[in-house]
């Protein structure tokens, strides 16, 4: 309802309206499903009862699961405001439910009916809402199946692949510049914090290394070590080119601006879902959008874990392992 209100207020200026409202209805369905499960009944049973009690037609819209249907009322619908107001009333009635009986089951069915009417009023598909919410839940909360994670450069020659294992030495000079070395060769340009109040951003290449090791993606690191996928001109331009590099750099800077206010994520074992959703929007259209949010969370947290150590020690060695999808820190001069 909040999303619908913003759409009315901002109209076409609310560019993310469709996605936002689909997500909001998906979240609503998730909570309603949880409530039904807690009461010992299935959401499919409740929705089915609501459909049969009301005047609806049932259209099977799911290709691979006939159990999921698009439900569309055949009566003349109310206005959107009236429909959402009634959905709000039906939602409020659910707060007092503690156990399942004939009366409370009626409240569940009433909510289901108004939920389906709201979908119709907003021209939203039930199947799409369900699938989007399942994808969101899996990507955000479930540990990914490592065997099925994207790799991006398996089909390319070795000289165009990100290294499966790498050690990058990060050193500081007295003039405040940071240098990177890979296999004894300096890579990239010396960096400073580029800000009046020093914050260690000169070490931000650590985040690109975390992306490379954990996500198997970093157009910036590819550029630094000159291992772009030039055998495929389309991939070279679209995925490894200047725009992709700017996207990664911009995303890294944006996350850093948030991390500064959170002590660089120290002591945290999770990241705000809102932040992760912005990450997803940032990389939309690029191959890395296929990485689940849970993997992004891992890359960000592990990257900042190493960053904090590099910042504390004014340098060190960053060790990336793409096979294990890990990134670690080792002090300069330590054996092993």
C-alpha atoms as a PDB file:
ATOM      1  CA  UNK A   1       0.000   0.000   0.000  1.00  0.00           C
ATOM      2  CA  UNK A   2       2.901   2.351   0.725  1.00  0.00           C
ATOM      3  CA  UNK A   3       4.237   1.686  -2.759  1.00  0.00           C
ATOM      4  CA  UNK A   4       0.862   2.434  -4.336  1.00  0.00           C
ATOM      5  CA  UNK A   5       0.695   5.693  -2.371  1.00  0.00           C
ATOM      6  CA  UNK A   6       4.116   6.743  -3.678  1.00  0.00           C
ATOM      7  CA  UNK A   7       3.031   5.930  -7.211  1.00  0.00           C
ATOM      8  CA  UNK A   8      -0.039   8.147  -6.875  1.00  0.00           C
ATOM      9  CA  UNK A   9       2.071  10.945  -5.409  1.00  0.00           C
ATOM     10  CA  UNK A  10       5.019  10.764  -7.811  1.00  0.00           C
ATOM     11  CA  UNK A  11       3.352   9.251 -10.879  1.00  0.00           C
ATOM     12  CA  UNK A  12       5.850   8.642 -13.703  1.00  0.00           C
ATOM     13  CA  UNK A  13       8.735   9.979 -11.584  1.00  0.00           C
ATOM     14  CA  UNK A  14       8.532   6.778  -9.532  1.00  0.00           C
ATOM     15  CA  UNK A  15      10.566   4.746 -12.006  1.00  0.00           C
ATOM     16  CA  UNK A  16      10.833   1.597  -9.901  1.00  0.00           C
ATOM     17  CA  UNK A  17       7.125   1.338  -9.185  1.00  0.00           C
ATOM     18  CA  UNK A  18       6.378  -1.933 -10.988  1.00  0.00           C
ATOM     19  CA  UNK A  19       9.236  -3.836  -9.388  1.00  0.00           C
ATOM     20  CA  UNK A  20       8.568  -2.313  -5.969  1.00  0.00           C
ATOM     21  CA  UNK A  21       4.876  -3.164  -5.957  1.00  0.00           C
ATOM     22  CA  UNK A  22       5.551  -6.724  -7.138  1.00  0.00           C
ATOM     23  CA  UNK A  23       8.067  -7.146  -4.347  1.00  0.00           C
ATOM     24  CA  UNK A  24       5.653  -5.715  -1.777  1.00  0.00           C
ATOM     25  CA  UNK A  25       2.877  -8.091  -2.807  1.00  0.00           C
ATOM     26  CA  UNK A  26       5.383 -10.946  -2.758  1.00  0.00           C
ATOM     27  CA  UNK A  27       6.450 -10.081   0.784  1.00  0.00           C
ATOM     28  CA  UNK A  28       2.802  -9.892   1.821  1.00  0.00           C
ATOM     29  CA  UNK A  29       2.193 -13.367   0.441  1.00  0.00           C
ATOM     30  CA  UNK A  30       5.299 -14.650   2.253  1.00  0.00           C
ATOM     31  CA  UNK A  31       4.045 -13.373   5.622  1.00  0.00           C
ATOM     32  CA  UNK A  32       0.550 -14.678   4.959  1.00  0.00           C
ATOM     33  CA  UNK A  33       1.979 -18.097   4.097  1.00  0.00           C
ATOM     34  CA  UNK A  34       3.958 -18.064   7.351  1.00  0.00           C
ATOM     35  CA  UNK A  35       0.798 -17.208   9.296  1.00  0.00           C
ATOM     36  CA  UNK A  36      -1.122 -20.056   7.677  1.00  0.00           C
ATOM     37  CA  UNK A  37       1.700 -22.471   8.441  1.00  0.00           C
ATOM     38  CA  UNK A  38       1.776 -21.358  12.075  1.00  0.00           C
ATOM     39  CA  UNK A  39      -1.964 -21.992  12.312  1.00  0.00           C
ATOM     40  CA  UNK A  40      -1.567 -25.459  10.842  1.00  0.00           C
ATOM     41  CA  UNK A  41      -3.172 -24.914   7.462  1.00  0.00           C
ATOM     42  CA  UNK A  42      -1.816 -24.553   3.957  1.00  0.00           C
ATOM     43  CA  UNK A  43      -1.980 -21.249   2.126  1.00  0.00           C
ATOM     44  CA  UNK A  44      -3.043 -23.143  -1.011  1.00  0.00           C
ATOM     45  CA  UNK A  45      -6.090 -24.491   0.831  1.00  0.00           C
ATOM     46  CA  UNK A  46      -7.056 -21.047   2.118  1.00  0.00           C
ATOM     47  CA  UNK A  47      -6.680 -19.407  -1.288  1.00  0.00           C
ATOM     48  CA  UNK A  48      -8.668 -22.207  -2.914  1.00  0.00           C
ATOM     49  CA  UNK A  49     -11.506 -21.693  -0.437  1.00  0.00           C
ATOM     50  CA  UNK A  50     -11.445 -17.954  -1.083  1.00  0.00           C
ATOM     51  CA  UNK A  51     -11.674 -18.561  -4.813  1.00  0.00           C
ATOM     52  CA  UNK A  52     -14.658 -20.880  -4.499  1.00  0.00           C
ATOM     53  CA  UNK A  53     -16.461 -18.586  -2.069  1.00  0.00           C
ATOM     54  CA  UNK A  54     -16.058 -15.597  -4.357  1.00  0.00           C
ATOM     55  CA  UNK A  55     -16.898 -15.173  -8.034  1.00  0.00           C
ATOM     56  CA  UNK A  56     -13.596 -15.933  -9.764  1.00  0.00           C
ATOM     57  CA  UNK A  57     -12.384 -17.644 -12.850  1.00  0.00           C
ATOM     58  CA  UNK A  58      -9.224 -19.676 -12.644  1.00  0.00           C
ATOM     59  CA  UNK A  59      -6.611 -19.450 -15.362  1.00  0.00           C
ATOM     60  CA  UNK A  60      -3.692 -21.856 -15.263  1.00  0.00           C
ATOM     61  CA  UNK A  61      -0.679 -19.728 -16.103  1.00  0.00           C
ATOM     62  CA  UNK A  62       2.210 -21.714 -14.693  1.00  0.00           C
ATOM     63  CA  UNK A  63       4.163 -23.609 -17.313  1.00  0.00           C
ATOM     64  CA  UNK A  64       5.959 -26.036 -15.024  1.00  0.00           C
ATOM     65  CA  UNK A  65       3.647 -26.104 -12.021  1.00  0.00           C
ATOM     66  CA  UNK A  66      -0.106 -26.398 -12.603  1.00  0.00           C
ATOM     67  CA  UNK A  67      -0.625 -25.965  -8.862  1.00  0.00           C
ATOM     68  CA  UNK A  68       0.154 -22.250  -9.225  1.00  0.00           C
ATOM     69  CA  UNK A  69      -2.577 -20.323 -10.965  1.00  0.00           C
ATOM     70  CA  UNK A  70      -3.399 -16.830 -12.015  1.00  0.00           C
ATOM     71  CA  UNK A  71      -6.672 -15.872 -10.374  1.00  0.00           C
ATOM     72  CA  UNK A  72      -8.802 -13.193 -11.919  1.00  0.00           C
ATOM     73  CA  UNK A  73     -12.232 -11.971 -10.786  1.00  0.00           C
ATOM     74  CA  UNK A  74     -14.916 -11.735 -13.434  1.00  0.00           C
ATOM     75  CA  UNK A  75     -17.003  -9.125 -11.640  1.00  0.00           C
ATOM     76  CA  UNK A  76     -16.636  -5.396 -12.213  1.00  0.00           C
ATOM     77  CA  UNK A  77     -13.767  -4.437  -9.914  1.00  0.00           C
ATOM     78  CA  UNK A  78     -13.811  -1.594  -7.428  1.00  0.00           C
ATOM     79  CA  UNK A  79     -11.490   1.372  -7.750  1.00  0.00           C
ATOM     80  CA  UNK A  80      -7.879   0.809  -6.772  1.00  0.00           C
ATOM     81  CA  UNK A  81      -8.231   2.972  -3.654  1.00  0.00           C
ATOM     82  CA  UNK A  82     -11.324   1.070  -2.520  1.00  0.00           C
ATOM     83  CA  UNK A  83      -9.671  -2.269  -3.167  1.00  0.00           C
ATOM     84  CA  UNK A  84      -6.496  -1.376  -1.267  1.00  0.00           C
ATOM     85  CA  UNK A  85      -8.523   0.064   1.616  1.00  0.00           C
ATOM     86  CA  UNK A  86     -10.439  -3.195   1.943  1.00  0.00           C
ATOM     87  CA  UNK A  87      -7.192  -5.158   1.696  1.00  0.00           C
ATOM     88  CA  UNK A  88      -5.845  -3.047   4.553  1.00  0.00           C
ATOM     89  CA  UNK A  89      -8.916  -3.784   6.670  1.00  0.00           C
ATOM     90  CA  UNK A  90      -8.617  -7.501   5.935  1.00  0.00           C
ATOM     91  CA  UNK A  91      -4.934  -7.361   6.890  1.00  0.00           C
ATOM     92  CA  UNK A  92      -5.675  -5.636  10.196  1.00  0.00           C
ATOM     93  CA  UNK A  93      -8.173  -8.362  11.074  1.00  0.00           C
ATOM     94  CA  UNK A  94      -5.388 -10.959  10.937  1.00  0.00           C
ATOM     95  CA  UNK A  95      -3.424  -9.456  13.829  1.00  0.00           C
ATOM     96  CA  UNK A  96      -5.691 -10.920  16.485  1.00  0.00           C
ATOM     97  CA  UNK A  97      -5.624 -14.493  15.192  1.00  0.00           C
ATOM     98  CA  UNK A  98      -4.133 -16.947  17.688  1.00  0.00           C
ATOM     99  CA  UNK A  99      -5.661 -20.247  16.599  1.00  0.00           C
ATOM    100  CA  UNK A 100      -7.618 -21.714  13.722  1.00  0.00           C
ATOM    101  CA  UNK A 101     -11.391 -22.020  13.942  1.00  0.00           C
ATOM    102  CA  UNK A 102     -14.340 -21.347  11.674  1.00  0.00           C
ATOM    103  CA  UNK A 103     -14.299 -17.604  12.361  1.00  0.00           C
ATOM    104  CA  UNK A 104     -10.552 -17.108  11.932  1.00  0.00           C
ATOM    105  CA  UNK A 105     -10.551 -19.263   8.816  1.00  0.00           C
ATOM    106  CA  UNK A 106     -13.113 -16.862   7.415  1.00  0.00           C
ATOM    107  CA  UNK A 107     -10.725 -13.981   8.106  1.00  0.00           C
ATOM    108  CA  UNK A 108      -7.938 -15.795   6.253  1.00  0.00           C
ATOM    109  CA  UNK A 109     -10.219 -16.385   3.284  1.00  0.00           C
ATOM    110  CA  UNK A 110     -11.371 -12.762   3.311  1.00  0.00           C
ATOM    111  CA  UNK A 111      -7.781 -11.558   3.190  1.00  0.00           C
ATOM    112  CA  UNK A 112      -7.018 -13.954   0.322  1.00  0.00           C
ATOM    113  CA  UNK A 113      -9.990 -12.679  -1.659  1.00  0.00           C
ATOM    114  CA  UNK A 114      -9.015  -9.023  -1.247  1.00  0.00           C
ATOM    115  CA  UNK A 115      -5.387  -9.837  -2.001  1.00  0.00           C
ATOM    116  CA  UNK A 116      -6.405 -11.413  -5.318  1.00  0.00           C
ATOM    117  CA  UNK A 117      -8.687  -8.485  -6.139  1.00  0.00           C
ATOM    118  CA  UNK A 118      -5.821  -6.087  -5.455  1.00  0.00           C
ATOM    119  CA  UNK A 119      -3.611  -8.015  -7.863  1.00  0.00           C
ATOM    120  CA  UNK A 120      -6.308  -7.687 -10.510  1.00  0.00           C
ATOM    121  CA  UNK A 121      -6.805  -3.991  -9.820  1.00  0.00           C
ATOM    122  CA  UNK A 122      -3.080  -3.381 -10.239  1.00  0.00           C
ATOM    123  CA  UNK A 123      -2.765  -5.695 -13.247  1.00  0.00           C
ATOM    124  CA  UNK A 124      -0.309  -8.015 -11.506  1.00  0.00           C
ATOM    125  CA  UNK A 125       0.106 -11.725 -12.187  1.00  0.00           C
ATOM    126  CA  UNK A 126      -0.115 -14.130  -9.267  1.00  0.00           C
ATOM    127  CA  UNK A 127       2.398 -16.555 -10.797  1.00  0.00           C
ATOM    128  CA  UNK A 128       4.983 -13.837 -11.322  1.00  0.00           C
ATOM    129  CA  UNK A 129       4.572 -12.606  -7.744  1.00  0.00           C
ATOM    130  CA  UNK A 130       5.085 -16.120  -6.365  1.00  0.00           C
ATOM    131  CA  UNK A 131       8.119 -16.871  -8.510  1.00  0.00           C
ATOM    132  CA  UNK A 132       9.795 -13.541  -7.804  1.00  0.00           C
ATOM    133  CA  UNK A 133       9.379 -14.050  -4.065  1.00  0.00           C
ATOM    134  CA  UNK A 134      10.765 -17.588  -4.234  1.00  0.00           C
ATOM    135  CA  UNK A 135      13.805 -16.344  -6.168  1.00  0.00           C
ATOM    136  CA  UNK A 136      14.270 -13.498  -3.705  1.00  0.00           C
ATOM    137  CA  UNK A 137      14.054 -15.805  -0.682  1.00  0.00           C
ATOM    138  CA  UNK A 138      16.438 -18.363  -2.153  1.00  0.00           C
ATOM    139  CA  UNK A 139      18.944 -15.743  -3.283  1.00  0.00           C
ATOM    140  CA  UNK A 140      18.956 -13.813  -0.028  1.00  0.00           C
ATOM    141  CA  UNK A 141      18.583 -16.359   2.744  1.00  0.00           C
ATOM    142  CA  UNK A 142      19.710 -19.774   1.494  1.00  0.00           C
ATOM    143  CA  UNK A 143      23.342 -20.765   1.099  1.00  0.00           C
ATOM    144  CA  UNK A 144      23.973 -21.115  -2.632  1.00  0.00           C
ATOM    145  CA  UNK A 145      24.760 -24.441  -4.263  1.00  0.00           C
ATOM    146  CA  UNK A 146      28.438 -23.961  -5.085  1.00  0.00           C
ATOM    147  CA  UNK A 147      28.280 -26.416  -7.982  1.00  0.00           C
ATOM    148  CA  UNK A 148      25.661 -24.284  -9.723  1.00  0.00           C
ATOM    149  CA  UNK A 149      27.206 -20.856  -9.172  1.00  0.00           C
ATOM    150  CA  UNK A 150      28.207 -18.920 -12.301  1.00  0.00           C
ATOM    151  CA  UNK A 151      31.893 -18.811 -13.272  1.00  0.00           C
ATOM    152  CA  UNK A 152      31.821 -16.539 -16.375  1.00  0.00           C
ATOM    153  CA  UNK A 153      35.167 -17.426 -17.977  1.00  0.00           C
ATOM    154  CA  UNK A 154      35.418 -21.237 -18.014  1.00  0.00           C
ATOM    155  CA  UNK A 155      35.205 -21.369 -21.799  1.00  0.00           C
ATOM    156  CA  UNK A 156      38.027 -18.891 -22.358  1.00  0.00           C
ATOM    157  CA  UNK A 157      41.771 -19.532 -22.749  1.00  0.00           C
ATOM    158  CA  UNK A 158      43.902 -19.325 -19.600  1.00  0.00           C
ATOM    159  CA  UNK A 159      45.337 -15.934 -20.516  1.00  0.00           C
ATOM    160  CA  UNK A 160      41.801 -14.511 -20.504  1.00  0.00           C
ATOM    161  CA  UNK A 161      40.696 -16.063 -17.218  1.00  0.00           C
ATOM    162  CA  UNK A 162      40.844 -14.496 -13.808  1.00  0.00           C
ATOM    163  CA  UNK A 163      43.587 -16.402 -11.934  1.00  0.00           C
ATOM    164  CA  UNK A 164      42.309 -19.325  -9.884  1.00  0.00           C
ATOM    165  CA  UNK A 165      44.741 -18.415  -7.119  1.00  0.00           C
ATOM    166  CA  UNK A 166      46.465 -15.090  -6.557  1.00  0.00           C
ATOM    167  CA  UNK A 167      48.569 -13.198  -4.041  1.00  0.00           C
ATOM    168  CA  UNK A 168      48.548  -9.418  -4.243  1.00  0.00           C
ATOM    169  CA  UNK A 169      51.032  -7.403  -2.190  1.00  0.00           C
ATOM    170  CA  UNK A 170      49.768  -4.036  -0.998  1.00  0.00           C
ATOM    171  CA  UNK A 171      52.381  -1.547   0.180  1.00  0.00           C
ATOM    172  CA  UNK A 172      52.200   2.015   1.440  1.00  0.00           C
ATOM    173  CA  UNK A 173      54.715   4.746   0.684  1.00  0.00           C
ATOM    174  CA  UNK A 174      55.464   7.608   3.066  1.00  0.00           C
ATOM    175  CA  UNK A 175      53.842  10.032   0.650  1.00  0.00           C
ATOM    176  CA  UNK A 176      50.503   8.320   1.314  1.00  0.00           C
ATOM    177  CA  UNK A 177      50.294   6.320  -1.884  1.00  0.00           C
ATOM    178  CA  UNK A 178      49.298   2.670  -2.095  1.00  0.00           C
ATOM    179  CA  UNK A 179      50.893   0.238  -4.586  1.00  0.00           C
ATOM    180  CA  UNK A 180      49.832  -3.208  -5.787  1.00  0.00           C
ATOM    181  CA  UNK A 181      52.169  -5.999  -6.885  1.00  0.00           C
ATOM    182  CA  UNK A 182      51.237  -9.279  -8.550  1.00  0.00           C
ATOM    183  CA  UNK A 183      53.969 -11.845  -9.218  1.00  0.00           C
ATOM    184  CA  UNK A 184      56.559  -9.172  -8.495  1.00  0.00           C
ATOM    185  CA  UNK A 185      55.112  -6.742 -11.057  1.00  0.00           C
ATOM    186  CA  UNK A 186      53.437  -3.462 -10.125  1.00  0.00           C
ATOM    187  CA  UNK A 187      49.867  -3.291 -11.431  1.00  0.00           C
ATOM    188  CA  UNK A 188      47.591  -0.299 -11.706  1.00  0.00           C
ATOM    189  CA  UNK A 189      48.344   3.236 -10.605  1.00  0.00           C
ATOM    190  CA  UNK A 190      49.403   4.324  -7.111  1.00  0.00           C
ATOM    191  CA  UNK A 191      46.336   5.381  -5.137  1.00  0.00           C
ATOM    192  CA  UNK A 192      45.567   7.849  -2.363  1.00  0.00           C
ATOM    193  CA  UNK A 193      42.398   8.269  -0.313  1.00  0.00           C
ATOM    194  CA  UNK A 194      41.251  11.195  -2.500  1.00  0.00           C
ATOM    195  CA  UNK A 195      39.443  12.819   0.414  1.00  0.00           C
ATOM    196  CA  UNK A 196      40.309  15.478   3.019  1.00  0.00           C
ATOM    197  CA  UNK A 197      39.647  13.151   5.955  1.00  0.00           C
ATOM    198  CA  UNK A 198      41.771  10.007   5.332  1.00  0.00           C
ATOM    199  CA  UNK A 199      39.674   6.840   5.492  1.00  0.00           C
ATOM    200  CA  UNK A 200      41.793   4.140   3.855  1.00  0.00           C
ATOM    201  CA  UNK A 201      40.007   4.182   0.512  1.00  0.00           C
ATOM    202  CA  UNK A 202      43.405   3.880  -1.167  1.00  0.00           C
ATOM    203  CA  UNK A 203      43.138   0.188  -0.272  1.00  0.00           C
ATOM    204  CA  UNK A 204      39.783  -0.229  -2.007  1.00  0.00           C
ATOM    205  CA  UNK A 205      41.254  -2.606  -4.607  1.00  0.00           C
ATOM    206  CA  UNK A 206      40.806  -5.216  -1.884  1.00  0.00           C
ATOM    207  CA  UNK A 207      37.101  -5.167  -2.743  1.00  0.00           C
ATOM    208  CA  UNK A 208      37.800  -5.864  -6.411  1.00  0.00           C
ATOM    209  CA  UNK A 209      39.952  -8.800  -5.336  1.00  0.00           C
ATOM    210  CA  UNK A 210      37.088 -10.076  -3.183  1.00  0.00           C
ATOM    211  CA  UNK A 211      34.754  -9.799  -6.167  1.00  0.00           C
ATOM    212  CA  UNK A 212      37.203 -11.754  -8.306  1.00  0.00           C
ATOM    213  CA  UNK A 213      37.742 -14.514  -5.747  1.00  0.00           C
ATOM    214  CA  UNK A 214      34.193 -14.969  -4.475  1.00  0.00           C
ATOM    215  CA  UNK A 215      31.941 -13.775  -7.305  1.00  0.00           C
ATOM    216  CA  UNK A 216      34.371 -14.764 -10.095  1.00  0.00           C
ATOM    217  CA  UNK A 217      33.753 -11.279 -11.476  1.00  0.00           C
ATOM    218  CA  UNK A 218      35.754  -8.082 -11.541  1.00  0.00           C
ATOM    219  CA  UNK A 219      36.227  -6.091 -14.745  1.00  0.00           C
ATOM    220  CA  UNK A 220      38.517  -3.803 -12.739  1.00  0.00           C
ATOM    221  CA  UNK A 221      40.873  -6.627 -11.714  1.00  0.00           C
ATOM    222  CA  UNK A 222      40.792  -8.012 -15.263  1.00  0.00           C
ATOM    223  CA  UNK A 223      41.890  -4.613 -16.497  1.00  0.00           C
ATOM    224  CA  UNK A 224      44.664  -4.350 -13.901  1.00  0.00           C
ATOM    225  CA  UNK A 225      46.207  -7.691 -14.880  1.00  0.00           C
ATOM    226  CA  UNK A 226      45.400  -7.358 -18.608  1.00  0.00           C
ATOM    227  CA  UNK A 227      43.343 -10.543 -18.814  1.00  0.00           C
ATOM    228  CA  UNK A 228      40.238  -9.365 -20.599  1.00  0.00           C
ATOM    229  CA  UNK A 229      38.258 -11.795 -22.739  1.00  0.00           C
ATOM    230  CA  UNK A 230      39.348 -10.320 -26.050  1.00  0.00           C
ATOM    231  CA  UNK A 231      38.792 -13.534 -28.007  1.00  0.00           C
ATOM    232  CA  UNK A 232      35.092 -12.654 -27.837  1.00  0.00           C
ATOM    233  CA  UNK A 233      34.691  -9.009 -28.933  1.00  0.00           C
ATOM    234  CA  UNK A 234      31.132  -8.803 -27.608  1.00  0.00           C
ATOM    235  CA  UNK A 235      32.109  -9.977 -24.119  1.00  0.00           C
ATOM    236  CA  UNK A 236      35.244  -7.840 -24.209  1.00  0.00           C
ATOM    237  CA  UNK A 237      33.218  -4.709 -24.886  1.00  0.00           C
ATOM    238  CA  UNK A 238      30.070  -5.385 -22.861  1.00  0.00           C
ATOM    239  CA  UNK A 239      31.427  -7.220 -19.802  1.00  0.00           C
ATOM    240  CA  UNK A 240      35.094  -6.209 -19.571  1.00  0.00           C
ATOM    241  CA  UNK A 241      34.952  -2.712 -21.063  1.00  0.00           C
ATOM    242  CA  UNK A 242      35.037   0.767 -19.590  1.00  0.00           C
ATOM    243  CA  UNK A 243      31.388   0.923 -18.611  1.00  0.00           C
ATOM    244  CA  UNK A 244      31.544  -2.345 -16.653  1.00  0.00           C
ATOM    245  CA  UNK A 245      34.639  -1.048 -14.857  1.00  0.00           C
ATOM    246  CA  UNK A 246      32.834   2.182 -13.965  1.00  0.00           C
ATOM    247  CA  UNK A 247      29.871   0.166 -12.654  1.00  0.00           C
ATOM    248  CA  UNK A 248      32.123  -1.863 -10.354  1.00  0.00           C
ATOM    249  CA  UNK A 249      34.066   1.199  -9.214  1.00  0.00           C
ATOM    250  CA  UNK A 250      30.865   3.144  -8.593  1.00  0.00           C
ATOM    251  CA  UNK A 251      29.305   0.278  -6.669  1.00  0.00           C
ATOM    252  CA  UNK A 252      32.465  -0.123  -4.585  1.00  0.00           C
ATOM    253  CA  UNK A 253      32.533   3.588  -3.724  1.00  0.00           C
ATOM    254  CA  UNK A 254      28.828   3.607  -2.841  1.00  0.00           C
ATOM    255  CA  UNK A 255      29.107   0.594  -0.520  1.00  0.00           C
ATOM    256  CA  UNK A 256      32.192   2.175   1.074  1.00  0.00           C
ATOM    257  CA  UNK A 257      30.252   5.353   1.841  1.00  0.00           C
ATOM    258  CA  UNK A 258      27.707   3.228   3.721  1.00  0.00           C
ATOM    259  CA  UNK A 259      30.326   1.039   5.395  1.00  0.00           C
ATOM    260  CA  UNK A 260      32.101   4.061   6.889  1.00  0.00           C
ATOM    261  CA  UNK A 261      29.051   4.715   9.068  1.00  0.00           C
ATOM    262  CA  UNK A 262      28.943   1.066  10.161  1.00  0.00           C
ATOM    263  CA  UNK A 263      32.571   0.752  11.277  1.00  0.00           C
ATOM    264  CA  UNK A 264      33.352  -0.978   7.983  1.00  0.00           C
ATOM    265  CA  UNK A 265      30.978  -3.841   8.876  1.00  0.00           C
ATOM    266  CA  UNK A 266      33.147  -4.939  11.797  1.00  0.00           C
ATOM    267  CA  UNK A 267      31.334  -7.446  14.009  1.00  0.00           C
ATOM    268  CA  UNK A 268      28.552  -7.942  11.459  1.00  0.00           C
ATOM    269  CA  UNK A 269      27.641 -11.318  10.002  1.00  0.00           C
ATOM    270  CA  UNK A 270      24.978  -9.973   7.671  1.00  0.00           C
ATOM    271  CA  UNK A 271      24.240  -6.944   5.534  1.00  0.00           C
ATOM    272  CA  UNK A 272      21.085  -4.887   5.181  1.00  0.00           C
ATOM    273  CA  UNK A 273      18.737  -6.334   2.595  1.00  0.00           C
ATOM    274  CA  UNK A 274      18.080  -2.807   1.328  1.00  0.00           C
ATOM    275  CA  UNK A 275      21.797  -2.397   0.595  1.00  0.00           C
ATOM    276  CA  UNK A 276      21.915  -5.722  -1.223  1.00  0.00           C
ATOM    277  CA  UNK A 277      18.907  -4.769  -3.341  1.00  0.00           C
ATOM    278  CA  UNK A 278      20.727  -1.628  -4.480  1.00  0.00           C
ATOM    279  CA  UNK A 279      23.718  -3.814  -5.361  1.00  0.00           C
ATOM    280  CA  UNK A 280      21.421  -5.937  -7.522  1.00  0.00           C
ATOM    281  CA  UNK A 281      20.113  -2.834  -9.279  1.00  0.00           C
ATOM    282  CA  UNK A 282      23.647  -1.518  -9.805  1.00  0.00           C
ATOM    283  CA  UNK A 283      24.793  -4.599 -11.732  1.00  0.00           C
ATOM    284  CA  UNK A 284      21.594  -5.239 -13.661  1.00  0.00           C
ATOM    285  CA  UNK A 285      22.392  -6.081 -17.256  1.00  0.00           C
ATOM    286  CA  UNK A 286      25.835  -7.502 -16.502  1.00  0.00           C
ATOM    287  CA  UNK A 287      26.799 -11.154 -16.083  1.00  0.00           C
ATOM    288  CA  UNK A 288      27.276 -10.820 -12.334  1.00  0.00           C
ATOM    289  CA  UNK A 289      23.551 -10.176 -11.888  1.00  0.00           C
ATOM    290  CA  UNK A 290      23.266 -13.973 -11.932  1.00  0.00           C
ATOM    291  CA  UNK A 291      25.070 -14.210  -8.596  1.00  0.00           C
ATOM    292  CA  UNK A 292      22.664 -14.658  -5.659  1.00  0.00           C
ATOM    293  CA  UNK A 293      22.507 -11.920  -3.037  1.00  0.00           C
ATOM    294  CA  UNK A 294      23.819 -14.346  -0.429  1.00  0.00           C
ATOM    295  CA  UNK A 295      27.044 -14.628  -2.437  1.00  0.00           C
ATOM    296  CA  UNK A 296      27.251 -10.847  -2.740  1.00  0.00           C
ATOM    297  CA  UNK A 297      26.871 -10.603   1.017  1.00  0.00           C
ATOM    298  CA  UNK A 298      29.759 -13.046   1.456  1.00  0.00           C
ATOM    299  CA  UNK A 299      31.962 -11.102  -0.976  1.00  0.00           C
ATOM    300  CA  UNK A 300      31.264  -7.789   0.744  1.00  0.00           C
ATOM    301  CA  UNK A 301      31.743  -9.034   4.310  1.00  0.00           C
ATOM    302  CA  UNK A 302      34.918 -10.999   3.523  1.00  0.00           C
ATOM    303  CA  UNK A 303      36.274  -8.120   1.469  1.00  0.00           C
ATOM    304  CA  UNK A 304      35.795  -5.712   4.358  1.00  0.00           C
ATOM    305  CA  UNK A 305      37.286  -8.194   6.803  1.00  0.00           C
ATOM    306  CA  UNK A 306      40.490  -8.149   4.758  1.00  0.00           C
ATOM    307  CA  UNK A 307      40.251  -4.390   4.172  1.00  0.00           C
ATOM    308  CA  UNK A 308      40.181  -3.678   7.912  1.00  0.00           C
ATOM    309  CA  UNK A 309      43.380  -5.673   8.381  1.00  0.00           C
ATOM    310  CA  UNK A 310      45.122  -4.008   5.438  1.00  0.00           C
ATOM    311  CA  UNK A 311      44.099  -0.588   6.752  1.00  0.00           C
ATOM    312  CA  UNK A 312      45.235  -1.396  10.281  1.00  0.00           C
ATOM    313  CA  UNK A 313      48.659  -2.620   9.111  1.00  0.00           C
ATOM    314  CA  UNK A 314      49.138  -0.133   6.259  1.00  0.00           C
ATOM    315  CA  UNK A 315      49.385  -2.953   3.750  1.00  0.00           C
ATOM    316  CA  UNK A 316      49.862  -6.680   3.574  1.00  0.00           C
ATOM    317  CA  UNK A 317      49.231  -9.622   1.272  1.00  0.00           C
ATOM    318  CA  UNK A 318      45.763 -10.451  -0.045  1.00  0.00           C
ATOM    319  CA  UNK A 319      45.272 -14.091  -1.018  1.00  0.00           C
ATOM    320  CA  UNK A 320      42.408 -15.010  -3.312  1.00  0.00           C
ATOM    321  CA  UNK A 321      41.239 -18.521  -4.121  1.00  0.00           C
ATOM    322  CA  UNK A 322      38.558 -18.796  -6.780  1.00  0.00           C
ATOM    323  CA  UNK A 323      38.194 -22.551  -6.358  1.00  0.00           C
ATOM    324  CA  UNK A 324      37.241 -22.144  -2.692  1.00  0.00           C
ATOM    325  CA  UNK A 325      35.707 -18.690  -3.281  1.00  0.00           C
ATOM    326  CA  UNK A 326      37.722 -17.224  -0.412  1.00  0.00           C
ATOM    327  CA  UNK A 327      39.866 -14.179   0.262  1.00  0.00           C
ATOM    328  CA  UNK A 328      42.333 -13.932   3.159  1.00  0.00           C
ATOM    329  CA  UNK A 329      44.889 -11.570   4.647  1.00  0.00           C
ATOM    330  CA  UNK A 330      48.515 -12.292   5.493  1.00  0.00           C
ATOM    331  CA  UNK A 331      50.891  -9.772   7.076  1.00  0.00           C
ATOM    332  CA  UNK A 332      53.859  -8.745   4.982  1.00  0.00           C
ATOM    333  CA  UNK A 333      56.911 -10.880   5.743  1.00  0.00           C
ATOM    334  CA  UNK A 334      54.974 -13.732   7.342  1.00  0.00           C
ATOM    335  CA  UNK A 335      56.078 -17.118   6.047  1.00  0.00           C
ATOM    336  CA  UNK A 336      53.702 -19.641   4.517  1.00  0.00           C
END
